[in-house]
Amino acid sequence: MSFSRHQKIKKTRVDHICFGCMRKIPIGSAAHYHVGVFEGDFCADYFCNSCWNFLEVYPDYFEDGFYFGDIIEAKNEMERNKEIKNYIQGEEQWLYC
């Protein structure tokens, strides 16, 4: 049996650690709380707005699941790929001048 439940929190009452980026979610911040079962394991985690938005924009990026800190690694990887693509495009433009 598996289940998943999401709750948006307007203001946290205590500090939490974001499961996606491992950063502190300070008291009084908006956050997202996710409870569920994944591959038979129970999970109950907090996410900052940035990581939760990433999950909503790229729902298939982690179709096999993810672990503590994987979202920040995915964001960094996407940013590096974008920088590399921009660099290559800049080089191509230079070659054709």
C-alpha atoms as a PDB file:
ATOM      1  CA  MET A   1       0.000   0.000   0.000  1.00  0.00           C
ATOM      2  CA  SER A   2       1.354   3.421  -0.878  1.00  0.00           C
ATOM      3  CA  PHE A   3       0.126   6.922  -0.217  1.00  0.00           C
ATOM      4  CA  SER A   4       1.288  10.490  -0.531  1.00  0.00           C
ATOM      5  CA  ARG A   5       0.045  13.686   1.087  1.00  0.00           C
ATOM      6  CA  HIS A   6       1.224  17.268   0.686  1.00  0.00           C
ATOM      7  CA  GLN A   7       0.520  20.236   2.917  1.00  0.00           C
ATOM      8  CA  LYS A   8       1.561  23.822   2.340  1.00  0.00           C
ATOM      9  CA  ILE A   9       2.678  25.546   5.543  1.00  0.00           C
ATOM     10  CA  LYS A  10       2.301  29.319   5.702  1.00  0.00           C
ATOM     11  CA  LYS A  11       4.636  29.822   8.660  1.00  0.00           C
ATOM     12  CA  THR A  12       6.833  27.214  10.306  1.00  0.00           C
ATOM     13  CA  ARG A  13       6.835  27.146  14.100  1.00  0.00           C
ATOM     14  CA  VAL A  14      10.320  25.640  14.423  1.00  0.00           C
ATOM     15  CA  ASP A  15      13.414  25.436  12.215  1.00  0.00           C
ATOM     16  CA  HIS A  16      13.434  22.615   9.668  1.00  0.00           C
ATOM     17  CA  ILE A  17      15.940  21.318   7.137  1.00  0.00           C
ATOM     18  CA  CYS A  18      14.832  21.184   3.512  1.00  0.00           C
ATOM     19  CA  PHE A  19      15.050  17.632   2.200  1.00  0.00           C
ATOM     20  CA  GLY A  20      15.805  18.883  -1.299  1.00  0.00           C
ATOM     21  CA  CYS A  21      18.655  21.333  -0.721  1.00  0.00           C
ATOM     22  CA  MET A  22      19.717  20.644   2.883  1.00  0.00           C
ATOM     23  CA  ARG A  23      19.305  24.316   3.783  1.00  0.00           C
ATOM     24  CA  LYS A  24      17.670  25.561   6.944  1.00  0.00           C
ATOM     25  CA  ILE A  25      14.040  26.646   6.735  1.00  0.00           C
ATOM     26  CA  PRO A  26      13.878  29.271   9.502  1.00  0.00           C
ATOM     27  CA  ILE A  27      11.018  29.860  11.904  1.00  0.00           C
ATOM     28  CA  GLY A  28       8.212  31.861  10.295  1.00  0.00           C
ATOM     29  CA  SER A  29       9.035  30.795   6.732  1.00  0.00           C
ATOM     30  CA  ALA A  30       6.672  29.235   4.234  1.00  0.00           C
ATOM     31  CA  ALA A  31       7.397  25.591   3.506  1.00  0.00           C
ATOM     32  CA  HIS A  32       5.901  22.373   2.174  1.00  0.00           C
ATOM     33  CA  TYR A  33       5.403  19.198   4.190  1.00  0.00           C
ATOM     34  CA  HIS A  34       5.230  15.894   2.352  1.00  0.00           C
ATOM     35  CA  VAL A  35       4.281  12.562   3.922  1.00  0.00           C
ATOM     36  CA  GLY A  36       4.203   9.304   2.049  1.00  0.00           C
ATOM     37  CA  VAL A  37       5.466   5.800   1.427  1.00  0.00           C
ATOM     38  CA  PHE A  38       8.158   5.221  -1.181  1.00  0.00           C
ATOM     39  CA  GLU A  39       9.295   1.665  -1.984  1.00  0.00           C
ATOM     40  CA  GLY A  40       7.841   0.488   1.322  1.00  0.00           C
ATOM     41  CA  ASP A  41       9.601   3.151   3.409  1.00  0.00           C
ATOM     42  CA  PHE A  42       7.680   5.838   5.274  1.00  0.00           C
ATOM     43  CA  CYS A  43       8.871   9.399   4.687  1.00  0.00           C
ATOM     44  CA  ALA A  44       7.897  12.718   6.234  1.00  0.00           C
ATOM     45  CA  ASP A  45       9.941  15.645   4.938  1.00  0.00           C
ATOM     46  CA  TYR A  46       9.932  19.425   4.712  1.00  0.00           C
ATOM     47  CA  PHE A  47      10.784  21.310   1.504  1.00  0.00           C
ATOM     48  CA  CYS A  48      11.557  24.983   0.919  1.00  0.00           C
ATOM     49  CA  ASN A  49       9.457  26.768  -1.716  1.00  0.00           C
ATOM     50  CA  SER A  50      12.298  26.725  -4.234  1.00  0.00           C
ATOM     51  CA  CYS A  51      12.738  22.945  -4.096  1.00  0.00           C
ATOM     52  CA  TRP A  52       8.995  22.291  -4.134  1.00  0.00           C
ATOM     53  CA  ASN A  53       8.618  24.526  -7.198  1.00  0.00           C
ATOM     54  CA  PHE A  54      11.441  22.596  -8.901  1.00  0.00           C
ATOM     55  CA  LEU A  55       9.545  19.354  -8.273  1.00  0.00           C
ATOM     56  CA  GLU A  56       6.381  20.850  -9.760  1.00  0.00           C
ATOM     57  CA  VAL A  57       8.136  22.240 -12.855  1.00  0.00           C
ATOM     58  CA  TYR A  58      10.187  19.066 -13.499  1.00  0.00           C
ATOM     59  CA  PRO A  59       7.989  16.210 -12.226  1.00  0.00           C
ATOM     60  CA  ASP A  60       9.697  13.572 -14.394  1.00  0.00           C
ATOM     61  CA  TYR A  61      13.250  14.510 -13.348  1.00  0.00           C
ATOM     62  CA  PHE A  62      13.015  12.269 -10.276  1.00  0.00           C
ATOM     63  CA  GLU A  63      10.583   9.630 -11.477  1.00  0.00           C
ATOM     64  CA  ASP A  64      12.688   6.952  -9.736  1.00  0.00           C
ATOM     65  CA  GLY A  65      12.725   8.901  -6.458  1.00  0.00           C
ATOM     66  CA  PHE A  66      15.318  11.110  -4.820  1.00  0.00           C
ATOM     67  CA  TYR A  67      17.304  11.371  -1.627  1.00  0.00           C
ATOM     68  CA  PHE A  68      18.432  14.054   0.800  1.00  0.00           C
ATOM     69  CA  GLY A  69      20.072  16.896  -1.167  1.00  0.00           C
ATOM     70  CA  ASP A  70      19.339  15.551  -4.660  1.00  0.00           C
ATOM     71  CA  ILE A  71      17.278  18.567  -5.728  1.00  0.00           C
ATOM     72  CA  ILE A  72      20.102  21.063  -5.189  1.00  0.00           C
ATOM     73  CA  GLU A  73      22.428  18.751  -7.115  1.00  0.00           C
ATOM     74  CA  ALA A  74      19.906  18.610  -9.982  1.00  0.00           C
ATOM     75  CA  LYS A  75      19.573  22.414  -9.977  1.00  0.00           C
ATOM     76  CA  ASN A  76      23.357  22.813 -10.041  1.00  0.00           C
ATOM     77  CA  GLU A  77      23.679  20.269 -12.848  1.00  0.00           C
ATOM     78  CA  MET A  78      21.054  22.073 -14.929  1.00  0.00           C
ATOM     79  CA  GLU A  79      22.825  25.394 -14.344  1.00  0.00           C
ATOM     80  CA  ARG A  80      26.208  23.908 -15.389  1.00  0.00           C
ATOM     81  CA  ASN A  81      24.628  22.437 -18.530  1.00  0.00           C
ATOM     82  CA  LYS A  82      23.101  25.821 -19.344  1.00  0.00           C
ATOM     83  CA  GLU A  83      26.466  27.556 -18.882  1.00  0.00           C
ATOM     84  CA  ILE A  84      28.217  24.983 -21.074  1.00  0.00           C
ATOM     85  CA  LYS A  85      25.546  25.358 -23.767  1.00  0.00           C
ATOM     86  CA  ASN A  86      25.911  29.167 -23.683  1.00  0.00           C
ATOM     87  CA  TYR A  87      29.695  28.863 -23.866  1.00  0.00           C
ATOM     88  CA  ILE A  88      29.528  26.507 -26.858  1.00  0.00           C
ATOM     89  CA  GLN A  89      27.054  28.763 -28.637  1.00  0.00           C
ATOM     90  CA  GLY A  90      29.374  31.727 -27.997  1.00  0.00           C
ATOM     91  CA  GLU A  91      32.314  29.794 -29.447  1.00  0.00           C
ATOM     92  CA  GLU A  92      30.287  28.855 -32.543  1.00  0.00           C
ATOM     93  CA  GLN A  93      29.357  32.495 -33.111  1.00  0.00           C
ATOM     94  CA  TRP A  94      33.005  33.512 -32.801  1.00  0.00           C
ATOM     95  CA  LEU A  95      34.088  30.883 -35.350  1.00  0.00           C
ATOM     96  CA  TYR A  96      31.662  32.189 -37.973  1.00  0.00           C
ATOM     97  CA  CYS A  97      32.553  35.875 -37.657  1.00  0.00           C
END
